[in-house]
C-alpha atoms as a PDB file:
ATOM      1  CA  MET A   1      -4.220 -43.440 -44.561  1.00  0.00           C
ATOM      2  CA  LYS A   2      -4.929 -39.839 -43.831  1.00  0.00           C
ATOM      3  CA  LEU A   3      -8.179 -38.896 -45.537  1.00  0.00           C
ATOM      4  CA  VAL A   4      -9.116 -35.263 -46.088  1.00  0.00           C
ATOM      5  CA  ARG A   5     -11.614 -32.980 -47.776  1.00  0.00           C
ATOM      6  CA  TYR A   6     -10.324 -29.731 -49.174  1.00  0.00           C
ATOM      7  CA  GLY A   7     -11.780 -26.629 -50.747  1.00  0.00           C
ATOM      8  CA  PRO A   8     -14.331 -23.919 -50.085  1.00  0.00           C
ATOM      9  CA  SER A   9     -17.089 -24.638 -47.522  1.00  0.00           C
ATOM     10  CA  GLY A  10     -19.888 -26.669 -49.165  1.00  0.00           C
ATOM     11  CA  ARG A  11     -17.737 -27.527 -52.219  1.00  0.00           C
ATOM     12  CA  GLU A  12     -15.031 -29.731 -50.695  1.00  0.00           C
ATOM     13  CA  GLN A  13     -13.209 -32.298 -52.686  1.00  0.00           C
ATOM     14  CA  PRO A  14     -11.911 -35.714 -51.506  1.00  0.00           C
ATOM     15  CA  GLY A  15      -8.195 -36.200 -50.970  1.00  0.00           C
ATOM     16  CA  LEU A  16      -5.536 -37.945 -48.935  1.00  0.00           C
ATOM     17  CA  ILE A  17      -2.164 -37.036 -47.388  1.00  0.00           C
ATOM     18  CA  ASP A  18       0.710 -38.984 -48.830  1.00  0.00           C
ATOM     19  CA  ALA A  19       3.702 -40.411 -46.977  1.00  0.00           C
ATOM     20  CA  GLN A  20       5.564 -37.101 -47.472  1.00  0.00           C
ATOM     21  CA  GLY A  21       2.699 -35.050 -46.057  1.00  0.00           C
ATOM     22  CA  ARG A  22       1.575 -33.801 -49.430  1.00  0.00           C
ATOM     23  CA  LEU A  23      -2.117 -33.375 -50.302  1.00  0.00           C
ATOM     24  CA  ARG A  24      -3.197 -35.482 -53.212  1.00  0.00           C
ATOM     25  CA  SER A  25      -6.655 -35.483 -54.981  1.00  0.00           C
ATOM     26  CA  LEU A  26      -9.012 -38.424 -54.939  1.00  0.00           C
ATOM     27  CA  ARG A  27     -11.368 -36.663 -57.412  1.00  0.00           C
ATOM     28  CA  GLY A  28     -12.551 -39.162 -59.950  1.00  0.00           C
ATOM     29  CA  VAL A  29     -11.568 -42.063 -57.705  1.00  0.00           C
ATOM     30  CA  VAL A  30     -14.348 -41.503 -55.058  1.00  0.00           C
ATOM     31  CA  ASN A  31     -17.209 -38.993 -54.910  1.00  0.00           C
ATOM     32  CA  ASP A  32     -16.561 -37.913 -51.297  1.00  0.00           C
ATOM     33  CA  ILE A  33     -15.070 -39.246 -48.096  1.00  0.00           C
ATOM     34  CA  GLY A  34     -18.182 -40.956 -46.919  1.00  0.00           C
ATOM     35  CA  PRO A  35     -18.995 -44.284 -45.090  1.00  0.00           C
ATOM     36  CA  GLU A  36     -18.514 -46.288 -48.223  1.00  0.00           C
ATOM     37  CA  VAL A  37     -14.987 -44.987 -48.539  1.00  0.00           C
ATOM     38  CA  TYR A  38     -13.782 -45.184 -44.887  1.00  0.00           C
ATOM     39  CA  GLY A  39     -15.614 -48.423 -44.223  1.00  0.00           C
ATOM     40  CA  ALA A  40     -13.551 -51.652 -44.407  1.00  0.00           C
ATOM     41  CA  LYS A  41     -14.318 -52.314 -48.046  1.00  0.00           C
ATOM     42  CA  GLY A  42     -13.591 -48.777 -49.139  1.00  0.00           C
ATOM     43  CA  GLN A  43     -10.315 -48.800 -47.237  1.00  0.00           C
ATOM     44  CA  ARG A  44      -9.205 -51.919 -48.973  1.00  0.00           C
ATOM     45  CA  ALA A  45      -9.885 -50.456 -52.335  1.00  0.00           C
ATOM     46  CA  LEU A  46      -7.938 -47.230 -51.543  1.00  0.00           C
ATOM     47  CA  ARG A  47      -5.001 -49.259 -50.345  1.00  0.00           C
ATOM     48  CA  LYS A  48      -4.723 -50.727 -53.834  1.00  0.00           C
ATOM     49  CA  LEU A  49      -4.097 -47.328 -55.309  1.00  0.00           C
ATOM     50  CA  ASP A  50      -0.682 -46.187 -56.375  1.00  0.00           C
ATOM     51  CA  VAL A  51      -0.661 -42.931 -54.302  1.00  0.00           C
ATOM     52  CA  GLU A  52       2.202 -41.560 -56.403  1.00  0.00           C
ATOM     53  CA  THR A  53      -0.015 -41.441 -59.444  1.00  0.00           C
ATOM     54  CA  LEU A  54      -2.686 -39.284 -57.764  1.00  0.00           C
ATOM     55  CA  PRO A  55      -2.561 -35.560 -58.672  1.00  0.00           C
ATOM     56  CA  ARG A  56      -0.903 -33.297 -56.162  1.00  0.00           C
ATOM     57  CA  VAL A  57      -3.024 -30.411 -54.986  1.00  0.00           C
ATOM     58  CA  ALA A  58      -1.256 -27.092 -55.455  1.00  0.00           C
ATOM     59  CA  GLY A  59      -1.139 -24.357 -52.789  1.00  0.00           C
ATOM     60  CA  GLN A  60      -2.656 -24.571 -49.378  1.00  0.00           C
ATOM     61  CA  PRO A  61      -6.440 -24.900 -49.802  1.00  0.00           C
ATOM     62  CA  ARG A  62      -8.830 -24.786 -46.975  1.00  0.00           C
ATOM     63  CA  LEU A  63      -9.306 -28.134 -45.198  1.00  0.00           C
ATOM     64  CA  GLY A  64     -12.914 -28.966 -44.301  1.00  0.00           C
ATOM     65  CA  VAL A  65     -14.376 -31.630 -42.078  1.00  0.00           C
ATOM     66  CA  PRO A  66     -12.410 -34.661 -43.277  1.00  0.00           C
ATOM     67  CA  PHE A  67     -15.336 -36.977 -43.846  1.00  0.00           C
ATOM     68  CA  VAL A  68     -19.145 -36.902 -44.311  1.00  0.00           C
ATOM     69  CA  GLY A  69     -21.960 -39.101 -43.066  1.00  0.00           C
ATOM     70  CA  ILE A  70     -21.903 -37.995 -39.436  1.00  0.00           C
ATOM     71  CA  GLY A  71     -25.322 -39.092 -38.274  1.00  0.00           C
ATOM     72  CA  LYS A  72     -24.582 -38.649 -34.515  1.00  0.00           C
ATOM     73  CA  PHE A  73     -21.980 -36.598 -32.757  1.00  0.00           C
ATOM     74  CA  ILE A  74     -21.697 -38.206 -29.240  1.00  0.00           C
ATOM     75  CA  ALA A  75     -19.513 -36.953 -26.460  1.00  0.00           C
ATOM     76  CA  ILE A  76     -18.235 -38.342 -23.172  1.00  0.00           C
ATOM     77  CA  GLY A  77     -17.920 -36.064 -20.188  1.00  0.00           C
ATOM     78  CA  LEU A  78     -15.443 -36.000 -17.287  1.00  0.00           C
ATOM     79  CA  ASN A  79     -13.461 -38.909 -18.756  1.00  0.00           C
ATOM     80  CA  TYR A  80     -10.107 -37.785 -17.227  1.00  0.00           C
ATOM     81  CA  ARG A  81      -9.778 -37.907 -13.356  1.00  0.00           C
ATOM     82  CA  ASP A  82      -7.853 -34.647 -13.189  1.00  0.00           C
ATOM     83  CA  HIS A  83     -10.488 -32.848 -15.358  1.00  0.00           C
ATOM     84  CA  ALA A  84     -13.268 -34.185 -13.182  1.00  0.00           C
ATOM     85  CA  ALA A  85     -11.410 -32.799 -10.137  1.00  0.00           C
ATOM     86  CA  GLU A  86     -10.863 -29.396 -11.643  1.00  0.00           C
ATOM     87  CA  ALA A  87     -14.607 -29.323 -12.543  1.00  0.00           C
ATOM     88  CA  LYS A  88     -15.365 -30.178  -8.944  1.00  0.00           C
ATOM     89  CA  GLN A  89     -17.377 -33.183 -10.123  1.00  0.00           C
ATOM     90  CA  ALA A  90     -17.424 -36.749  -8.859  1.00  0.00           C
ATOM     91  CA  ILE A  91     -15.394 -39.403 -10.715  1.00  0.00           C
ATOM     92  CA  PRO A  92     -17.892 -41.046 -12.983  1.00  0.00           C
ATOM     93  CA  THR A  93     -18.730 -44.763 -12.387  1.00  0.00           C
ATOM     94  CA  GLU A  94     -20.241 -44.976 -15.902  1.00  0.00           C
ATOM     95  CA  PRO A  95     -19.518 -42.863 -18.993  1.00  0.00           C
ATOM     96  CA  ILE A  96     -21.281 -39.524 -18.939  1.00  0.00           C
ATOM     97  CA  VAL A  97     -22.999 -39.303 -22.366  1.00  0.00           C
ATOM     98  CA  PHE A  98     -24.268 -36.071 -24.090  1.00  0.00           C
ATOM     99  CA  ASN A  99     -24.817 -34.896 -27.653  1.00  0.00           C
ATOM    100  CA  LYS A 100     -23.186 -32.249 -29.856  1.00  0.00           C
ATOM    101  CA  TRP A 101     -25.559 -31.280 -32.574  1.00  0.00           C
ATOM    102  CA  THR A 102     -24.197 -31.955 -36.122  1.00  0.00           C
ATOM    103  CA  THR A 103     -24.911 -28.318 -36.993  1.00  0.00           C
ATOM    104  CA  CYS A 104     -21.930 -27.426 -34.740  1.00  0.00           C
ATOM    105  CA  ILE A 105     -19.432 -29.196 -36.922  1.00  0.00           C
ATOM    106  CA  THR A 106     -16.869 -27.105 -38.799  1.00  0.00           C
ATOM    107  CA  GLY A 107     -13.445 -27.485 -40.378  1.00  0.00           C
ATOM    108  CA  PRO A 108     -10.267 -27.502 -38.322  1.00  0.00           C
ATOM    109  CA  PHE A 109      -9.252 -24.034 -39.207  1.00  0.00           C
ATOM    110  CA  ASP A 110     -12.644 -22.311 -39.567  1.00  0.00           C
ATOM    111  CA  ALA A 111     -13.435 -19.579 -37.127  1.00  0.00           C
ATOM    112  CA  ILE A 112     -15.346 -20.214 -33.819  1.00  0.00           C
ATOM    113  CA  GLU A 113     -18.296 -17.955 -33.419  1.00  0.00           C
ATOM    114  CA  HIS A 114     -18.660 -16.375 -29.902  1.00  0.00           C
ATOM    115  CA  PRO A 115     -22.459 -16.484 -29.267  1.00  0.00           C
ATOM    116  CA  PRO A 116     -24.107 -13.130 -28.435  1.00  0.00           C
ATOM    117  CA  HIS A 117     -25.378 -14.466 -25.100  1.00  0.00           C
ATOM    118  CA  SER A 118     -22.150 -16.354 -24.125  1.00  0.00           C
ATOM    119  CA  THR A 119     -20.248 -15.380 -21.009  1.00  0.00           C
ATOM    120  CA  ARG A 120     -18.127 -18.492 -20.309  1.00  0.00           C
ATOM    121  CA  MET A 121     -17.003 -20.038 -23.604  1.00  0.00           C
ATOM    122  CA  ASP A 122     -14.360 -22.739 -22.920  1.00  0.00           C
ATOM    123  CA  TRP A 123     -11.974 -24.996 -24.788  1.00  0.00           C
ATOM    124  CA  GLU A 124     -11.527 -28.728 -24.786  1.00  0.00           C
ATOM    125  CA  VAL A 125      -9.128 -30.880 -26.975  1.00  0.00           C
ATOM    126  CA  GLU A 126     -10.341 -34.430 -27.493  1.00  0.00           C
ATOM    127  CA  LEU A 127      -9.658 -37.674 -29.335  1.00  0.00           C
ATOM    128  CA  GLY A 128     -12.389 -38.320 -31.879  1.00  0.00           C
ATOM    129  CA  VAL A 129     -13.445 -41.870 -32.756  1.00  0.00           C
ATOM    130  CA  VAL A 130     -15.223 -42.599 -36.083  1.00  0.00           C
ATOM    131  CA  ILE A 131     -17.369 -45.702 -36.396  1.00  0.00           C
ATOM    132  CA  GLY A 132     -16.847 -47.777 -39.550  1.00  0.00           C
ATOM    133  CA  ARG A 133     -19.584 -50.468 -39.228  1.00  0.00           C
ATOM    134  CA  GLU A 134     -22.878 -50.910 -37.347  1.00  0.00           C
ATOM    135  CA  ALA A 135     -22.354 -51.775 -33.777  1.00  0.00           C
ATOM    136  CA  ARG A 136     -25.038 -53.105 -31.379  1.00  0.00           C
ATOM    137  CA  TYR A 137     -24.339 -54.765 -28.082  1.00  0.00           C
ATOM    138  CA  VAL A 138     -20.737 -55.387 -28.802  1.00  0.00           C
ATOM    139  CA  GLY A 139     -18.114 -56.489 -26.235  1.00  0.00           C
ATOM    140  CA  VAL A 140     -15.179 -54.525 -25.094  1.00  0.00           C
ATOM    141  CA  ALA A 141     -12.774 -57.073 -26.569  1.00  0.00           C
ATOM    142  CA  GLU A 142     -14.295 -56.625 -30.073  1.00  0.00           C
ATOM    143  CA  ALA A 143     -15.145 -52.922 -29.926  1.00  0.00           C
ATOM    144  CA  LEU A 144     -12.109 -51.516 -31.610  1.00  0.00           C
ATOM    145  CA  GLY A 145     -12.991 -53.656 -34.713  1.00  0.00           C
ATOM    146  CA  PHE A 146     -15.972 -51.345 -35.284  1.00  0.00           C
ATOM    147  CA  VAL A 147     -13.704 -48.264 -35.494  1.00  0.00           C
ATOM    148  CA  ALA A 148     -12.893 -46.824 -38.961  1.00  0.00           C
ATOM    149  CA  GLY A 149     -10.426 -44.238 -37.721  1.00  0.00           C
ATOM    150  CA  TYR A 150      -9.578 -41.319 -35.471  1.00  0.00           C
ATOM    151  CA  CYS A 151      -9.427 -37.564 -35.619  1.00  0.00           C
ATOM    152  CA  THR A 152      -8.788 -34.422 -33.534  1.00  0.00           C
ATOM    153  CA  VAL A 153     -11.874 -32.822 -32.112  1.00  0.00           C
ATOM    154  CA  HIS A 154     -12.379 -29.435 -30.350  1.00  0.00           C
ATOM    155  CA  ASP A 155     -15.275 -29.737 -27.976  1.00  0.00           C
ATOM    156  CA  VAL A 156     -16.070 -26.030 -27.512  1.00  0.00           C
ATOM    157  CA  SER A 157     -18.335 -25.455 -24.486  1.00  0.00           C
ATOM    158  CA  GLU A 158     -20.312 -22.647 -22.840  1.00  0.00           C
ATOM    159  CA  ARG A 159     -20.061 -23.219 -19.055  1.00  0.00           C
ATOM    160  CA  GLN A 160     -22.932 -20.946 -17.992  1.00  0.00           C
ATOM    161  CA  PHE A 161     -25.257 -22.756 -20.319  1.00  0.00           C
ATOM    162  CA  GLN A 162     -23.890 -26.084 -19.093  1.00  0.00           C
ATOM    163  CA  PHE A 163     -24.201 -25.527 -15.286  1.00  0.00           C
ATOM    164  CA  GLU A 164     -26.436 -22.601 -14.669  1.00  0.00           C
ATOM    165  CA  ARG A 165     -29.183 -22.895 -17.304  1.00  0.00           C
ATOM    166  CA  GLY A 166     -30.968 -26.076 -16.270  1.00  0.00           C
ATOM    167  CA  SER A 167     -27.924 -28.330 -16.237  1.00  0.00           C
ATOM    168  CA  GLN A 168     -28.576 -29.413 -19.821  1.00  0.00           C
ATOM    169  CA  TRP A 169     -25.161 -30.220 -21.256  1.00  0.00           C
ATOM    170  CA  ASP A 170     -26.380 -30.646 -24.784  1.00  0.00           C
ATOM    171  CA  LYS A 171     -27.353 -27.015 -25.233  1.00  0.00           C
ATOM    172  CA  SER A 172     -23.927 -25.795 -24.031  1.00  0.00           C
ATOM    173  CA  LYS A 173     -22.052 -28.006 -26.489  1.00  0.00           C
ATOM    174  CA  GLY A 174     -23.787 -27.804 -29.761  1.00  0.00           C
ATOM    175  CA  LEU A 175     -23.915 -24.101 -30.774  1.00  0.00           C
ATOM    176  CA  ASP A 176     -22.805 -23.175 -34.277  1.00  0.00           C
ATOM    177  CA  SER A 177     -19.087 -23.746 -34.764  1.00  0.00           C
ATOM    178  CA  PHE A 178     -18.594 -25.513 -31.404  1.00  0.00           C
ATOM    179  CA  GLY A 179     -17.338 -28.734 -32.996  1.00  0.00           C
ATOM    180  CA  PRO A 180     -14.271 -28.312 -35.222  1.00  0.00           C
ATOM    181  CA  VAL A 181     -13.151 -31.727 -36.625  1.00  0.00           C
ATOM    182  CA  GLY A 182      -9.996 -32.681 -38.469  1.00  0.00           C
ATOM    183  CA  PRO A 183      -7.761 -31.983 -40.250  1.00  0.00           C
ATOM    184  CA  TRP A 184      -7.639 -35.636 -41.171  1.00  0.00           C
ATOM    185  CA  LEU A 185      -9.447 -38.891 -40.676  1.00  0.00           C
ATOM    186  CA  VAL A 186      -6.563 -41.252 -39.788  1.00  0.00           C
ATOM    187  CA  THR A 187      -7.640 -44.902 -40.463  1.00  0.00           C
ATOM    188  CA  ALA A 188      -7.504 -47.211 -37.556  1.00  0.00           C
ATOM    189  CA  ASP A 189      -4.620 -49.307 -38.962  1.00  0.00           C
ATOM    190  CA  GLU A 190      -2.388 -46.328 -38.327  1.00  0.00           C
ATOM    191  CA  VAL A 191      -3.474 -46.030 -34.664  1.00  0.00           C
ATOM    192  CA  PRO A 192      -3.077 -49.452 -33.233  1.00  0.00           C
ATOM    193  CA  GLU A 193      -3.351 -48.264 -29.727  1.00  0.00           C
ATOM    194  CA  PRO A 194      -5.644 -45.255 -29.159  1.00  0.00           C
ATOM    195  CA  GLN A 195      -4.659 -45.187 -25.441  1.00  0.00           C
ATOM    196  CA  ALA A 196      -1.167 -44.069 -26.414  1.00  0.00           C
ATOM    197  CA  LEU A 197      -1.692 -40.552 -27.773  1.00  0.00           C
ATOM    198  CA  ALA A 198      -0.613 -37.270 -26.299  1.00  0.00           C
ATOM    199  CA  LEU A 199      -2.884 -34.256 -26.767  1.00  0.00           C
ATOM    200  CA  HIS A 200      -2.482 -30.569 -25.940  1.00  0.00           C
ATOM    201  CA  LEU A 201      -4.136 -27.157 -26.485  1.00  0.00           C
ATOM    202  CA  ASP A 202      -2.830 -23.586 -26.451  1.00  0.00           C
ATOM    203  CA  VAL A 203      -4.697 -20.232 -26.193  1.00  0.00           C
ATOM    204  CA  ASN A 204      -2.891 -17.169 -27.632  1.00  0.00           C
ATOM    205  CA  GLY A 205       0.347 -19.289 -27.634  1.00  0.00           C
ATOM    206  CA  GLU A 206       0.115 -20.288 -23.962  1.00  0.00           C
ATOM    207  CA  ARG A 207      -0.125 -24.008 -23.095  1.00  0.00           C
ATOM    208  CA  MET A 208      -3.426 -24.660 -21.351  1.00  0.00           C
ATOM    209  CA  GLN A 209      -3.923 -28.381 -21.718  1.00  0.00           C
ATOM    210  CA  SER A 210      -1.473 -31.210 -21.880  1.00  0.00           C
ATOM    211  CA  GLY A 211      -2.632 -34.785 -21.419  1.00  0.00           C
ATOM    212  CA  HIS A 212      -2.454 -38.410 -22.589  1.00  0.00           C
ATOM    213  CA  THR A 213      -5.181 -40.824 -23.543  1.00  0.00           C
ATOM    214  CA  ARG A 214      -3.712 -43.443 -21.213  1.00  0.00           C
ATOM    215  CA  ASP A 215      -5.196 -41.368 -18.430  1.00  0.00           C
ATOM    216  CA  MET A 216      -8.814 -41.781 -19.680  1.00  0.00           C
ATOM    217  CA  ILE A 217     -11.196 -43.296 -17.148  1.00  0.00           C
ATOM    218  CA  PHE A 218     -13.020 -45.277 -19.824  1.00  0.00           C
ATOM    219  CA  SER A 219     -10.980 -46.448 -22.795  1.00  0.00           C
ATOM    220  CA  VAL A 220     -12.038 -46.132 -26.452  1.00  0.00           C
ATOM    221  CA  ALA A 221     -12.982 -49.841 -26.432  1.00  0.00           C
ATOM    222  CA  GLN A 222     -15.036 -49.456 -23.324  1.00  0.00           C
ATOM    223  CA  ILE A 223     -16.834 -46.336 -24.646  1.00  0.00           C
ATOM    224  CA  VAL A 224     -17.721 -47.961 -27.969  1.00  0.00           C
ATOM    225  CA  SER A 225     -18.961 -51.048 -26.244  1.00  0.00           C
ATOM    226  CA  TYR A 226     -20.948 -49.103 -23.635  1.00  0.00           C
ATOM    227  CA  LEU A 227     -22.602 -46.805 -26.207  1.00  0.00           C
ATOM    228  CA  SER A 228     -23.631 -49.787 -28.345  1.00  0.00           C
ATOM    229  CA  HIS A 229     -25.816 -51.048 -25.496  1.00  0.00           C
ATOM    230  CA  PHE A 230     -27.861 -47.839 -25.497  1.00  0.00           C
ATOM    231  CA  MET A 231     -27.967 -47.027 -29.207  1.00  0.00           C
ATOM    232  CA  THR A 232     -27.125 -48.406 -32.603  1.00  0.00           C
ATOM    233  CA  LEU A 233     -23.792 -46.936 -33.728  1.00  0.00           C
ATOM    234  CA  ARG A 234     -23.621 -46.584 -37.505  1.00  0.00           C
ATOM    235  CA  PRO A 235     -20.814 -45.820 -39.958  1.00  0.00           C
ATOM    236  CA  GLY A 236     -19.928 -42.150 -39.772  1.00  0.00           C
ATOM    237  CA  ASP A 237     -21.032 -41.657 -36.074  1.00  0.00           C
ATOM    238  CA  LEU A 238     -18.390 -39.609 -34.361  1.00  0.00           C
ATOM    239  CA  ILE A 239     -17.512 -39.982 -30.591  1.00  0.00           C
ATOM    240  CA  ALA A 240     -15.527 -37.319 -28.706  1.00  0.00           C
ATOM    241  CA  THR A 241     -13.863 -39.176 -25.830  1.00  0.00           C
ATOM    242  CA  GLY A 242     -13.298 -36.453 -23.199  1.00  0.00           C
ATOM    243  CA  THR A 243     -10.711 -33.781 -22.394  1.00  0.00           C
ATOM    244  CA  PRO A 244      -7.712 -33.736 -20.084  1.00  0.00           C
ATOM    245  CA  PRO A 245      -7.273 -31.047 -17.367  1.00  0.00           C
ATOM    246  CA  GLY A 246      -6.517 -27.370 -18.060  1.00  0.00           C
ATOM    247  CA  VAL A 247      -9.839 -26.010 -19.315  1.00  0.00           C
ATOM    248  CA  GLY A 248     -10.679 -22.444 -18.684  1.00  0.00           C
ATOM    249  CA  MET A 249     -13.216 -23.015 -15.891  1.00  0.00           C
ATOM    250  CA  GLY A 250     -10.482 -24.786 -13.874  1.00  0.00           C
ATOM    251  CA  LYS A 251      -8.074 -21.917 -14.013  1.00  0.00           C
ATOM    252  CA  GLN A 252      -7.589 -19.648 -10.948  1.00  0.00           C
ATOM    253  CA  PRO A 253      -9.204 -17.292 -11.696  1.00  0.00           C
ATOM    254  CA  PRO A 254     -11.339 -18.855 -14.433  1.00  0.00           C
ATOM    255  CA  ARG A 255     -10.410 -17.816 -17.957  1.00  0.00           C
ATOM    256  CA  TYR A 256     -12.746 -17.939 -20.954  1.00  0.00           C
ATOM    257  CA  LEU A 257     -12.577 -17.331 -24.666  1.00  0.00           C
ATOM    258  CA  ARG A 258     -13.309 -13.949 -26.134  1.00  0.00           C
ATOM    259  CA  PRO A 259     -13.344 -12.618 -29.775  1.00  0.00           C
ATOM    260  CA  GLY A 260      -9.738 -12.300 -30.981  1.00  0.00           C
ATOM    261  CA  ASP A 261      -8.466 -15.248 -29.100  1.00  0.00           C
ATOM    262  CA  VAL A 262      -6.587 -17.946 -31.034  1.00  0.00           C
ATOM    263  CA  VAL A 263      -6.820 -21.584 -30.071  1.00  0.00           C
ATOM    264  CA  ALA A 264      -4.336 -24.197 -31.324  1.00  0.00           C
ATOM    265  CA  LEU A 265      -4.735 -27.923 -30.518  1.00  0.00           C
ATOM    266  CA  GLU A 266      -3.423 -31.302 -31.572  1.00  0.00           C
ATOM    267  CA  VAL A 267      -3.816 -35.002 -30.858  1.00  0.00           C
ATOM    268  CA  GLN A 268      -0.601 -36.945 -31.563  1.00  0.00           C
ATOM    269  CA  GLY A 269      -0.501 -38.362 -35.125  1.00  0.00           C
ATOM    270  CA  LEU A 270      -4.028 -37.026 -35.952  1.00  0.00           C
ATOM    271  CA  GLY A 271      -3.176 -33.498 -36.980  1.00  0.00           C
ATOM    272  CA  ALA A 272      -3.388 -29.944 -35.555  1.00  0.00           C
ATOM    273  CA  GLN A 273      -6.144 -27.388 -35.605  1.00  0.00           C
ATOM    274  CA  ARG A 274      -6.123 -23.562 -35.249  1.00  0.00           C
ATOM    275  CA  GLN A 275      -9.188 -21.337 -34.777  1.00  0.00           C
ATOM    276  CA  VAL A 276      -9.761 -17.619 -34.253  1.00  0.00           C
ATOM    277  CA  VAL A 277     -12.641 -16.673 -32.114  1.00  0.00           C
ATOM    278  CA  VAL A 278     -14.973 -14.126 -33.728  1.00  0.00           C
ATOM    279  CA  ALA A 279     -17.847 -12.148 -32.482  1.00  0.00           C
ATOM    280  CA  SER A 280     -21.285 -13.345 -33.547  1.00  0.00           C
ATOM    281  CA  LYS A 281     -23.170 -11.316 -36.162  1.00  0.00           C
ATOM    282  CA  HIS A 282     -26.412 -12.362 -34.483  1.00  0.00           C
ATOM    283  CA  LYS A 283     -28.277 -10.729 -31.591  1.00  0.00           C
ATOM    284  CA  VAL A 284     -30.625 -12.100 -28.961  1.00  0.00           C
ATOM    285  CA  ALA A 285     -34.198 -11.188 -30.134  1.00  0.00           C
ATOM    286  CA  ALA A 286     -35.843  -8.593 -27.907  1.00  0.00           C
ATOM    287  CA  ASP A 287     -38.792 -10.795 -27.107  1.00  0.00           C
ATOM    288  CA  ALA A 288     -36.443 -13.621 -26.069  1.00  0.00           C
ATOM    289  CA  GLU A 289     -34.334 -11.627 -23.576  1.00  0.00           C
ATOM    290  CA  LYS A 290     -36.096 -13.116 -20.477  1.00  0.00           C
ATOM    291  CA  LEU A 291     -35.442 -16.616 -21.706  1.00  0.00           C
ATOM    292  CA  VAL A 292     -32.045 -15.987 -23.289  1.00  0.00           C
ATOM    293  CA  PRO A 293     -30.258 -13.163 -21.362  1.00  0.00           C
ATOM    294  CA  SER A 294     -27.569 -11.478 -23.377  1.00  0.00           C
ATOM    295  CA  THR A 295     -25.540 -10.270 -20.393  1.00  0.00           C
ATOM    296  CA  ARG A 296     -21.817 -10.502 -20.754  1.00  0.00           C
ATOM    297  CA  ALA A 297     -19.163 -11.301 -18.139  1.00  0.00           C
END
């Protein structure tokens, strides 16, 4: 199943995409696309529906984040060897773990805000993994059984904040609008092998990233197992599993996103995203200039 949420921001309705790619409403069937819906029991109930009887949604409404209940947005760094090389970083011997704040999450076609103090805003297409049931100290062999589904994630990053502002990855990854998710939550039964997915990203129509999840250093199963030994994973937790090579900081010369740029990305079978970069309406406060310089590259 491909589960979606559609409508204006803050007023999204639940829906699904049928076999012909048409949007159908789940209003009146479920309240929202939450853990009780994309968990195992909820999925079983949805599969009993006659999809053809569900109302079709007219037009092309905005698609929001395809599910709710995201308690944690966890990300894995340098999980493709070629990306680690272009970042001039050592190949990790354990997964590199950081957080993206849940306030960064937006819909797949919503604008990306260029922060007023950003100079090196970068792109990263990633496979997203959605947890379906509580996981603690699980083995690799059983780890995929805790996955509800998969989605496309854009891990927008600010490289100066990441590498030159105290080496705190979290603050470079979680700015508002830096986490587009969707368009769909594809249930795990439709993705039997998460290490068999192509992914790519374009900027202004030019192909920047082209990769494949078979090239991940740590597989989805290894990542879920690993994380479960350091935290309790709960239904709705979202994991971004790393990006292939081709990011802006790896270009010669480096290339970064500016207002007006258009980013398009896709993970095979999980749907495409498209965002326009827009200038922030905010300014750095005068009394914060020394702490948060607003210089531009």
